[in-house]
Amino acid sequence: MHRDPGDRWQWELALCHLTEALEATGEAADAVREHRREALTLPGDFTDPSAQRLRDQLTSAVDEGA
């Protein structure tokens, strides 16, 4: 996986995709929440529009309790 400190963006993307896959199976709601929260703890150095959309999507999902 992308846990190397230099791969924070890839790790955040991997966590996001993992949560989408877990949701698609209808399983592991606790794991989905945990991975979304972990993604949001990664430093937000990325300010481009796609990074902001991803963080907004994750924040919204966490706020909704999804």
N, C-alpha and C. Protein backbone atom coordinates (compact mmCIF):
# COMPACT_ATOMS: atom_id res chain seq x y z
N MET A 1 0.84 -1.19 0.00
CA MET A 1 0.00 0.00 0.00
C MET A 1 0.88 1.24 0.00
N HIS A 2 0.26 2.37 0.15
CA HIS A 2 0.93 3.66 0.03
C HIS A 2 1.11 4.34 1.39
N ARG A 3 1.63 3.63 2.34
CA ARG A 3 1.79 4.23 3.67
C ARG A 3 3.10 5.01 3.80
N ASP A 4 3.90 5.03 2.77
CA ASP A 4 5.13 5.82 2.78
C ASP A 4 4.76 7.28 2.98
N PRO A 5 5.46 7.99 3.88
CA PRO A 5 5.11 9.40 4.13
C PRO A 5 5.10 10.26 2.87
N GLY A 6 5.86 9.89 1.86
CA GLY A 6 5.87 10.65 0.62
C GLY A 6 4.68 10.37 -0.27
N ASP A 7 3.89 9.39 0.08
CA ASP A 7 2.73 8.99 -0.74
C ASP A 7 1.41 9.31 -0.05
N ARG A 8 1.35 10.42 0.67
CA ARG A 8 0.11 10.75 1.40
C ARG A 8 -1.08 10.85 0.47
N TRP A 9 -0.91 11.46 -0.70
CA TRP A 9 -2.02 11.61 -1.64
C TRP A 9 -2.51 10.24 -2.09
N GLN A 10 -1.58 9.35 -2.44
CA GLN A 10 -1.96 8.01 -2.88
C GLN A 10 -2.64 7.24 -1.75
N TRP A 11 -2.17 7.42 -0.53
CA TRP A 11 -2.79 6.75 0.62
C TRP A 11 -4.21 7.26 0.82
N GLU A 12 -4.40 8.57 0.71
CA GLU A 12 -5.75 9.13 0.86
C GLU A 12 -6.67 8.59 -0.24
N LEU A 13 -6.18 8.53 -1.47
CA LEU A 13 -6.98 7.97 -2.56
C LEU A 13 -7.30 6.50 -2.31
N ALA A 14 -6.31 5.75 -1.86
CA ALA A 14 -6.53 4.32 -1.60
C ALA A 14 -7.59 4.12 -0.53
N LEU A 15 -7.54 4.92 0.53
CA LEU A 15 -8.55 4.81 1.58
C LEU A 15 -9.94 5.16 1.05
N CYS A 16 -10.00 6.19 0.22
CA CYS A 16 -11.29 6.58 -0.36
C CYS A 16 -11.86 5.46 -1.23
N HIS A 17 -11.02 4.89 -2.07
CA HIS A 17 -11.49 3.79 -2.93
C HIS A 17 -11.87 2.56 -2.11
N LEU A 18 -11.14 2.31 -1.04
CA LEU A 18 -11.47 1.20 -0.16
C LEU A 18 -12.86 1.40 0.45
N THR A 19 -13.15 2.62 0.91
CA THR A 19 -14.46 2.86 1.50
C THR A 19 -15.57 2.69 0.46
N GLU A 20 -15.31 3.11 -0.77
CA GLU A 20 -16.31 2.93 -1.84
C GLU A 20 -16.56 1.45 -2.10
N ALA A 21 -15.49 0.65 -2.12
CA ALA A 21 -15.64 -0.79 -2.35
C ALA A 21 -16.38 -1.45 -1.20
N LEU A 22 -16.05 -1.07 0.03
CA LEU A 22 -16.74 -1.65 1.18
C LEU A 22 -18.22 -1.28 1.17
N GLU A 23 -18.53 -0.04 0.82
CA GLU A 23 -19.94 0.38 0.75
C GLU A 23 -20.69 -0.40 -0.32
N ALA A 24 -20.04 -0.64 -1.46
CA ALA A 24 -20.68 -1.34 -2.56
C ALA A 24 -21.08 -2.76 -2.17
N THR A 25 -20.33 -3.35 -1.25
CA THR A 25 -20.65 -4.71 -0.81
C THR A 25 -21.71 -4.71 0.29
N GLY A 26 -21.97 -3.52 0.85
CA GLY A 26 -22.96 -3.43 1.92
C GLY A 26 -22.45 -3.96 3.24
N GLU A 27 -21.15 -4.09 3.36
CA GLU A 27 -20.57 -4.65 4.57
C GLU A 27 -19.66 -3.64 5.26
N ALA A 28 -19.35 -3.92 6.50
CA ALA A 28 -18.31 -3.25 7.25
C ALA A 28 -18.50 -1.74 7.40
N ALA A 29 -19.68 -1.31 7.82
CA ALA A 29 -19.95 0.12 8.00
C ALA A 29 -18.96 0.75 8.97
N ASP A 30 -18.59 0.03 10.03
CA ASP A 30 -17.62 0.57 10.99
C ASP A 30 -16.26 0.79 10.32
N ALA A 31 -15.85 -0.14 9.48
CA ALA A 31 -14.57 -0.01 8.79
C ALA A 31 -14.61 1.17 7.82
N VAL A 32 -15.74 1.37 7.16
CA VAL A 32 -15.88 2.50 6.23
C VAL A 32 -15.67 3.81 6.99
N ARG A 33 -16.34 3.96 8.11
CA ARG A 33 -16.19 5.19 8.90
C ARG A 33 -14.75 5.37 9.37
N GLU A 34 -14.14 4.30 9.84
CA GLU A 34 -12.77 4.36 10.33
C GLU A 34 -11.81 4.80 9.23
N HIS A 35 -11.94 4.23 8.04
CA HIS A 35 -11.03 4.57 6.94
C HIS A 35 -11.26 6.00 6.45
N ARG A 36 -12.49 6.44 6.44
CA ARG A 36 -12.75 7.84 6.05
C ARG A 36 -12.12 8.80 7.04
N ARG A 37 -12.27 8.51 8.30
CA ARG A 37 -11.67 9.38 9.32
C ARG A 37 -10.15 9.38 9.21
N GLU A 38 -9.59 8.21 8.94
CA GLU A 38 -8.13 8.13 8.77
C GLU A 38 -7.68 8.99 7.59
N ALA A 39 -8.40 8.90 6.49
CA ALA A 39 -8.06 9.70 5.31
C ALA A 39 -8.08 11.19 5.64
N LEU A 40 -9.03 11.60 6.46
CA LEU A 40 -9.14 13.01 6.81
C LEU A 40 -8.05 13.47 7.78
N THR A 41 -7.37 12.54 8.44
CA THR A 41 -6.29 12.93 9.34
C THR A 41 -4.99 13.18 8.60
N LEU A 42 -4.93 12.76 7.34
CA LEU A 42 -3.71 12.98 6.56
C LEU A 42 -3.57 14.47 6.29
N PRO A 43 -2.34 14.96 6.30
CA PRO A 43 -2.14 16.39 6.08
C PRO A 43 -2.77 16.84 4.76
N GLY A 44 -3.45 17.96 4.80
CA GLY A 44 -4.14 18.47 3.63
C GLY A 44 -3.30 19.44 2.83
N ASP A 45 -2.10 19.03 2.44
CA ASP A 45 -1.20 19.89 1.68
C ASP A 45 -1.67 20.09 0.25
N PHE A 46 -2.56 19.27 -0.20
CA PHE A 46 -2.98 19.29 -1.60
C PHE A 46 -4.16 20.24 -1.75
N THR A 47 -3.97 21.25 -2.55
CA THR A 47 -4.99 22.29 -2.68
C THR A 47 -5.62 22.33 -4.06
N ASP A 48 -5.27 21.39 -4.93
CA ASP A 48 -5.86 21.40 -6.26
C ASP A 48 -7.34 21.01 -6.18
N PRO A 49 -8.11 21.32 -7.21
CA PRO A 49 -9.56 21.07 -7.16
C PRO A 49 -9.94 19.61 -6.90
N SER A 50 -9.22 18.67 -7.48
CA SER A 50 -9.60 17.26 -7.27
C SER A 50 -9.33 16.85 -5.83
N ALA A 51 -8.26 17.35 -5.23
CA ALA A 51 -7.98 17.04 -3.83
C ALA A 51 -9.05 17.65 -2.93
N GLN A 52 -9.45 18.87 -3.23
CA GLN A 52 -10.48 19.53 -2.43
C GLN A 52 -11.82 18.80 -2.54
N ARG A 53 -12.16 18.35 -3.75
CA ARG A 53 -13.40 17.59 -3.94
C ARG A 53 -13.38 16.30 -3.13
N LEU A 54 -12.23 15.62 -3.15
CA LEU A 54 -12.11 14.37 -2.40
C LEU A 54 -12.28 14.62 -0.90
N ARG A 55 -11.62 15.64 -0.38
CA ARG A 55 -11.73 15.94 1.05
C ARG A 55 -13.15 16.38 1.40
N ASP A 56 -13.78 17.15 0.52
CA ASP A 56 -15.17 17.55 0.75
C ASP A 56 -16.09 16.33 0.79
N GLN A 57 -15.86 15.41 -0.13
CA GLN A 57 -16.66 14.18 -0.20
C GLN A 57 -16.47 13.36 1.09
N LEU A 58 -15.23 13.20 1.52
CA LEU A 58 -14.95 12.45 2.74
C LEU A 58 -15.56 13.13 3.96
N THR A 59 -15.40 14.45 4.04
CA THR A 59 -15.96 15.21 5.18
C THR A 59 -17.46 15.08 5.23
N SER A 60 -18.10 15.22 4.08
CA SER A 60 -19.55 15.11 4.01
C SER A 60 -20.02 13.73 4.45
N ALA A 61 -19.34 12.70 3.99
CA ALA A 61 -19.72 11.33 4.34
C ALA A 61 -19.54 11.08 5.83
N VAL A 62 -18.47 11.61 6.42
CA VAL A 62 -18.25 11.45 7.86
C VAL A 62 -19.31 12.22 8.63
N ASP A 63 -19.61 13.44 8.19
CA ASP A 63 -20.63 14.25 8.87
C ASP A 63 -22.01 13.60 8.82
N GLU A 64 -22.29 12.90 7.73
CA GLU A 64 -23.59 12.23 7.58
C GLU A 64 -23.62 10.89 8.31
N GLY A 65 -22.47 10.49 8.83
CA GLY A 65 -22.42 9.22 9.56
C GLY A 65 -22.35 8.02 8.66
N ALA A 66 -22.04 8.24 7.40
CA ALA A 66 -21.96 7.13 6.44
C ALA A 66 -20.65 6.41 6.60
